[in-house]
Protein backbone atom coordinates (compact mmCIF):
# COMPACT_ATOMS: atom_id res chain seq x y z
CA UNK A 1 -6.69 -55.95 -0.64
CA UNK A 2 -8.81 -53.26 0.99
CA UNK A 3 -7.14 -49.79 0.97
CA UNK A 4 -6.67 -48.32 4.42
CA UNK A 5 -8.36 -45.05 5.30
CA UNK A 6 -6.11 -42.15 6.28
CA UNK A 7 -5.47 -41.86 9.99
CA UNK A 8 -7.38 -39.05 11.73
CA UNK A 9 -4.08 -37.39 12.62
CA UNK A 10 -3.01 -37.46 8.97
CA UNK A 11 -6.28 -35.83 7.93
CA UNK A 12 -5.77 -33.05 10.47
CA UNK A 13 -2.21 -32.48 9.35
CA UNK A 14 -3.30 -32.28 5.71
CA UNK A 15 -6.05 -29.82 6.63
CA UNK A 16 -3.59 -27.57 8.46
CA UNK A 17 -1.10 -27.64 5.58
CA UNK A 18 -3.85 -26.90 3.05
CA UNK A 19 -5.02 -23.93 5.13
CA UNK A 20 -1.46 -22.56 5.31
CA UNK A 21 -1.07 -22.93 1.54
CA UNK A 22 -4.32 -21.07 0.85
CA UNK A 23 -3.34 -18.28 3.26
CA UNK A 24 0.08 -17.84 1.68
CA UNK A 25 -1.36 -17.92 -1.84
CA UNK A 26 -3.58 -14.95 -0.95
CA UNK A 27 -0.61 -12.77 0.03
CA UNK A 28 0.03 -9.99 -2.49
CA UNK A 29 -3.49 -9.87 -3.92
CA UNK A 30 -3.86 -6.11 -3.38
CA UNK A 31 -1.50 -3.20 -4.15
CA UNK A 32 -1.28 -2.46 -0.43
CA UNK A 33 -0.16 -6.02 0.28
CA UNK A 34 2.37 -5.90 -2.53
CA UNK A 35 3.80 -2.76 -0.91
CA UNK A 36 3.96 -4.49 2.45
CA UNK A 37 1.38 -1.98 3.77
CA UNK A 38 4.02 0.75 3.63
CA UNK A 39 2.87 4.37 3.23
CA UNK A 40 3.04 6.04 -0.17
CA UNK A 41 1.45 5.82 -3.60
CA UNK A 42 0.56 2.31 -4.78
CA UNK A 43 0.76 3.35 -8.46
CA UNK A 44 3.84 5.59 -8.49
CA UNK A 45 7.06 5.62 -6.49
CA UNK A 46 7.50 8.83 -4.52
CA UNK A 47 11.32 8.92 -4.74
CA UNK A 48 14.10 7.10 -6.52
CA UNK A 49 14.69 5.01 -3.37
CA UNK A 50 11.21 3.91 -2.35
CA UNK A 51 11.09 1.03 -4.84
CA UNK A 52 14.19 -0.75 -3.54
CA UNK A 53 13.28 -0.05 0.10
CA UNK A 54 9.82 -1.54 -0.50
CA UNK A 55 11.26 -4.60 -2.27
CA UNK A 56 13.68 -5.30 0.57
CA UNK A 57 10.91 -4.90 3.16
CA UNK A 58 8.44 -7.16 1.33
CA UNK A 59 11.07 -9.81 0.55
CA UNK A 60 12.11 -9.93 4.20
CA UNK A 61 8.52 -10.37 5.38
CA UNK A 62 7.72 -13.02 2.77
CA UNK A 63 10.83 -14.96 3.83
CA UNK A 64 9.91 -14.67 7.50
CA UNK A 65 6.33 -15.75 6.83
CA UNK A 66 7.50 -18.80 4.87
CA UNK A 67 9.94 -19.77 7.63
CA UNK A 68 7.26 -19.20 10.26
CA UNK A 69 4.72 -21.28 8.33
CA UNK A 70 7.25 -24.10 7.96
CA UNK A 71 8.20 -24.08 11.63
CA UNK A 72 4.62 -23.88 12.90
CA UNK A 73 3.53 -26.48 10.37
CA UNK A 74 6.19 -28.90 11.59
CA UNK A 75 5.30 -28.22 15.22
CA UNK A 76 1.61 -28.85 14.61
CA UNK A 77 2.35 -31.96 12.53
CA UNK A 78 4.60 -33.37 15.26
CA UNK A 79 1.98 -32.66 17.94
CA UNK A 80 -0.65 -34.53 15.91
CA UNK A 81 1.43 -37.34 14.43
CA UNK A 82 3.47 -38.17 17.54
CA UNK A 83 0.94 -37.54 20.26
CA UNK A 84 0.60 -40.14 22.98
CA UNK A 85 -2.13 -42.72 22.32
CA UNK A 86 -4.17 -44.48 24.96
CA UNK A 87 -2.49 -47.77 24.06
CA UNK A 88 1.04 -46.43 24.50
CA UNK A 89 2.98 -47.54 27.57
CA UNK A 90 6.11 -46.11 29.12
CA UNK A 91 8.09 -43.14 27.79
CA UNK A 92 9.21 -42.68 24.16
CA UNK A 93 12.87 -42.53 23.24
CA UNK A 94 14.23 -39.35 24.82
CA UNK A 95 17.33 -38.83 22.64
CA UNK A 96 17.97 -39.53 18.96
CA UNK A 97 20.61 -38.39 16.47
CA UNK A 98 19.92 -37.45 12.87
CA UNK A 99 23.00 -35.75 11.42
CA UNK A 100 21.52 -34.73 8.02
CA UNK A 101 18.51 -33.15 9.72
CA UNK A 102 20.68 -31.32 12.25
CA UNK A 103 22.93 -30.03 9.44
CA UNK A 104 19.86 -28.74 7.62
CA UNK A 105 18.62 -26.95 10.77
CA UNK A 106 22.05 -25.27 11.05
CA UNK A 107 22.81 -24.39 7.43
CA UNK A 108 19.40 -23.08 6.33
CA UNK A 109 19.23 -20.33 9.02
CA UNK A 110 22.82 -19.31 8.20
CA UNK A 111 21.99 -18.99 4.49
CA UNK A 112 18.81 -17.03 5.24
CA UNK A 113 20.53 -14.62 7.64
CA UNK A 114 23.49 -14.00 5.30
CA UNK A 115 21.14 -13.44 2.35
CA UNK A 116 19.05 -10.92 4.30
CA UNK A 117 22.22 -9.18 5.46
CA UNK A 118 23.51 -8.94 1.87
CA UNK A 119 20.33 -7.51 0.37
CA UNK A 120 19.81 -5.13 3.30
CA UNK A 121 23.38 -3.87 2.94
CA UNK A 122 22.86 -3.35 -0.80
CA UNK A 123 19.71 -1.31 -0.20
CA UNK A 124 21.33 0.82 2.51
CA UNK A 125 24.42 1.45 0.35
CA UNK A 126 22.32 2.64 -2.59
CA UNK A 127 20.01 4.73 -0.41
CA UNK A 128 22.86 6.51 1.39
CA UNK A 129 25.12 7.03 -1.65
CA UNK A 130 26.02 10.71 -2.22
CA UNK A 131 26.28 12.38 -5.61
CA UNK A 132 29.15 14.90 -5.53
CA UNK A 133 27.05 17.37 -7.58
CA UNK A 134 23.46 17.46 -6.28
CA UNK A 135 20.99 19.78 -8.01
CA UNK A 136 19.70 21.31 -4.78
CA UNK A 137 21.18 21.51 -1.27
CA UNK A 138 18.88 22.17 1.67
CA UNK A 139 19.99 22.65 5.24
CA UNK A 140 17.41 21.36 7.70
CA UNK A 141 17.76 22.52 11.30
CA UNK A 142 15.80 20.73 14.00
CA UNK A 143 15.02 22.49 17.26
CA UNK A 144 12.61 22.02 20.14
CA UNK A 145 9.98 21.78 18.73
CA UNK A 146 9.92 22.89 15.11
CA UNK A 147 12.10 23.26 12.00
CA UNK A 148 14.14 25.78 10.01
CA UNK A 149 14.85 25.31 6.28
CA UNK A 150 17.78 27.00 4.49
CA UNK A 151 18.09 26.77 0.69
CA UNK A 152 21.87 27.02 0.45
CA UNK A 153 22.12 27.22 -3.36
CA UNK A 154 19.52 29.98 -3.68
CA UNK A 155 20.77 31.84 -0.62
CA UNK A 156 17.32 32.12 0.99
CA UNK A 157 15.43 30.49 3.82
CA UNK A 158 11.89 29.79 4.94
CA UNK A 159 10.54 31.91 7.82
CA UNK A 160 11.90 30.68 11.15
CA UNK A 161 9.79 27.79 12.38
CA UNK A 162 7.59 28.50 15.37
CA UNK A 163 5.93 25.76 17.38
CA UNK A 164 2.22 25.77 16.67
CA UNK A 165 -0.10 25.93 19.66
CA UNK A 166 -2.95 24.63 17.50
CA UNK A 167 -1.48 21.28 16.50
CA UNK A 168 -4.29 18.79 15.98
CA UNK A 169 -6.93 21.45 15.45
CA UNK A 170 -8.61 22.15 12.09
CA UNK A 171 -6.44 24.32 9.84
CA UNK A 172 -3.29 23.88 11.93
CA UNK A 173 -1.53 21.95 9.18
CA UNK A 174 -1.37 25.08 7.00
CA UNK A 175 0.61 26.84 9.74
CA UNK A 176 3.37 24.23 9.87
CA UNK A 177 6.84 24.97 8.42
CA UNK A 178 6.89 23.96 4.76
CA UNK A 179 9.87 22.79 2.72
CA UNK A 180 9.78 23.08 -1.09
CA UNK A 181 11.65 20.67 -3.41
CA UNK A 182 11.75 20.48 -7.23
CA UNK A 183 10.53 17.26 -8.80
CA UNK A 184 13.03 14.91 -10.51
CA UNK A 185 16.03 16.80 -9.08
CA UNK A 186 18.67 15.30 -6.79
CA UNK A 187 18.31 16.99 -3.41
CA UNK A 188 20.93 16.84 -0.68
CA UNK A 189 19.80 17.33 2.91
CA UNK A 190 22.31 18.70 5.41
CA UNK A 191 20.78 17.89 8.79
CA UNK A 192 21.65 19.89 11.90
CA UNK A 193 20.27 20.08 15.44
CA UNK A 194 20.35 23.08 17.75
CA UNK A 195 19.69 21.33 21.04
CA UNK A 196 18.97 17.60 21.41
CA UNK A 197 18.83 14.59 19.09
CA UNK A 198 15.99 14.82 16.57
CA UNK A 199 15.14 12.68 13.54
CA UNK A 200 14.10 13.99 10.11
CA UNK A 201 11.36 11.79 8.68
CA UNK A 202 9.23 12.28 5.57
CA UNK A 203 6.80 9.40 6.00
CA UNK A 204 6.13 8.61 2.33
CA UNK A 205 9.87 8.70 1.52
CA UNK A 206 10.29 5.54 3.66
CA UNK A 207 13.51 6.95 5.10
CA UNK A 208 14.50 8.87 8.19
CA UNK A 209 17.81 10.15 9.52
CA UNK A 210 18.88 11.20 13.01
CA UNK A 211 20.00 14.77 13.66
CA UNK A 212 22.81 14.91 16.22
CA UNK A 213 23.98 18.18 17.82
CA UNK A 214 27.44 19.17 16.61
CA UNK A 215 27.41 16.69 13.74
CA UNK A 216 26.15 17.22 10.18
CA UNK A 217 24.20 14.28 8.75
CA UNK A 218 23.75 14.11 4.98
CA UNK A 219 21.60 12.12 2.60
CA UNK A 220 20.24 12.58 -0.90
CA UNK A 221 16.97 11.78 -2.59
CA UNK A 222 15.26 12.48 -5.91
CA UNK A 223 11.53 13.18 -5.52
CA UNK A 224 9.67 11.73 -8.49
CA UNK A 225 6.07 12.72 -7.81
CA UNK A 226 4.63 16.17 -7.16
CA UNK A 227 2.48 16.55 -4.08
CA UNK A 228 2.40 17.53 -0.42
CA UNK A 229 3.91 15.08 2.06
CA UNK A 230 3.87 14.96 5.84
CA UNK A 231 7.04 15.09 7.87
CA UNK A 232 7.76 14.75 11.55
CA UNK A 233 10.45 14.20 14.14
CA UNK A 234 10.90 10.47 14.75
CA UNK A 235 13.05 10.77 17.90
CA UNK A 236 11.58 11.56 21.32
CA UNK A 237 12.98 15.03 21.96
CA UNK A 238 11.04 16.52 24.86
CA UNK A 239 7.62 17.53 26.13
CA UNK A 240 6.22 18.70 22.78
CA UNK A 241 7.82 16.11 20.52
CA UNK A 242 4.43 15.26 19.00
CA UNK A 243 4.07 18.88 17.82
CA UNK A 244 7.33 18.79 15.82
CA UNK A 245 5.68 18.47 12.40
CA UNK A 246 6.28 19.95 8.95
CA UNK A 247 5.04 19.82 5.37
CA UNK A 248 7.12 18.99 2.32
CA UNK A 249 5.93 20.11 -1.11
CA UNK A 250 7.37 18.59 -4.28
CA UNK A 251 6.68 21.04 -7.12
CA UNK A 252 7.78 21.72 -10.67
CA UNK A 253 11.08 23.48 -11.30
CA UNK A 254 9.19 26.61 -12.37
CA UNK A 255 7.16 26.72 -9.18
CA UNK A 256 10.26 26.06 -7.08
CA UNK A 257 12.15 28.94 -8.74
CA UNK A 258 9.13 31.20 -8.22
CA UNK A 259 9.05 30.33 -4.52
CA UNK A 260 12.75 31.14 -4.18
CA UNK A 261 12.12 34.57 -5.70
CA UNK A 262 9.21 35.15 -3.34
CA UNK A 263 11.42 34.40 -0.34
CA UNK A 264 14.09 36.75 -1.71
CA UNK A 265 11.50 39.49 -2.21
CA UNK A 266 10.41 39.08 1.43
CA UNK A 267 13.98 39.69 2.56
CA UNK A 268 14.50 36.12 3.74
CA UNK A 269 18.04 35.95 2.39
CA UNK A 270 21.01 34.10 3.80
CA UNK A 271 20.68 31.21 6.23
CA UNK A 272 19.22 31.00 9.73
CA UNK A 273 21.96 30.50 12.30
CA UNK A 274 22.19 26.95 13.61
CA UNK A 275 23.38 28.26 17.00
CA UNK A 276 20.01 29.88 17.79
CA UNK A 277 18.44 27.61 20.39
CA UNK A 278 14.96 27.48 21.88
CA UNK A 279 15.79 29.59 24.94
CA UNK A 280 17.30 32.35 22.80
CA UNK A 281 14.24 32.35 20.54
CA UNK A 282 11.85 32.60 23.50
CA UNK A 283 13.90 35.46 24.94
CA UNK A 284 13.91 37.25 21.57
CA UNK A 285 10.15 36.82 21.14
CA UNK A 286 9.44 38.10 24.66
CA UNK A 287 11.71 41.07 24.04
CA UNK A 288 9.83 41.91 20.84
CA UNK A 289 6.45 41.58 22.61
CA UNK A 290 7.68 43.87 25.40
CA UNK A 291 8.82 46.47 22.87
CA UNK A 292 5.36 46.43 21.22
CA UNK A 293 3.68 47.09 24.56
């Protein structure tokens, strides 16, 4: 008995499936891919939350890619295997029932969605959990279009943030408001807004939180790696939203304490009032300029 050669359609289907397998097997070959191309350090987690956020993100994308590959693979296979041949006559059967297959199409999506909901809820719950006794409490005040930082425990504050007119030019980054945090200490952020809705986002922390006028938003994080990180407003808040940037420096406890003493020596004690809005600041600055003249 002479063995039959595979049908051309079967060969094409096998080629497509082999290509999908090779593509999926290459996923995760680099550190960037294993992180899901998220920002941050590929060798060291930046905070105590970035690891679980990254795992949830990557797991969700891997699941979606597998589901997508399965669905597209089945579509392509059906197009090839059940295409109309030149010898076919009439129309194929337009309606068929297959209860086990229909049950599978119903149950598998339900299981996938419930699983993603569970793991996402677990990550959010851990990320937003509050320790009743944080090591450091910082009040962050967003305003059009810059930031104020109050160190509530130390009783000092950074100089009032002023919108930079040189944003995007060389050296402008050094002029941005800078927030200092001690490494390996639990920091609580009390977020306030003076005018409109803003959003506090440290990019490498993989977490952002809206700042709503009249409502204090809180979250905690433990920075685990020293360095300078970029922050920005992630909520469209007016004409100069893109200029609403800041720096965040994670330093040793000794350097943090030294910076607190420097602020105290400069007379930057107490906390900047959260009721001071942009119009009041402009009026105050113009009044000071007029007095100088």
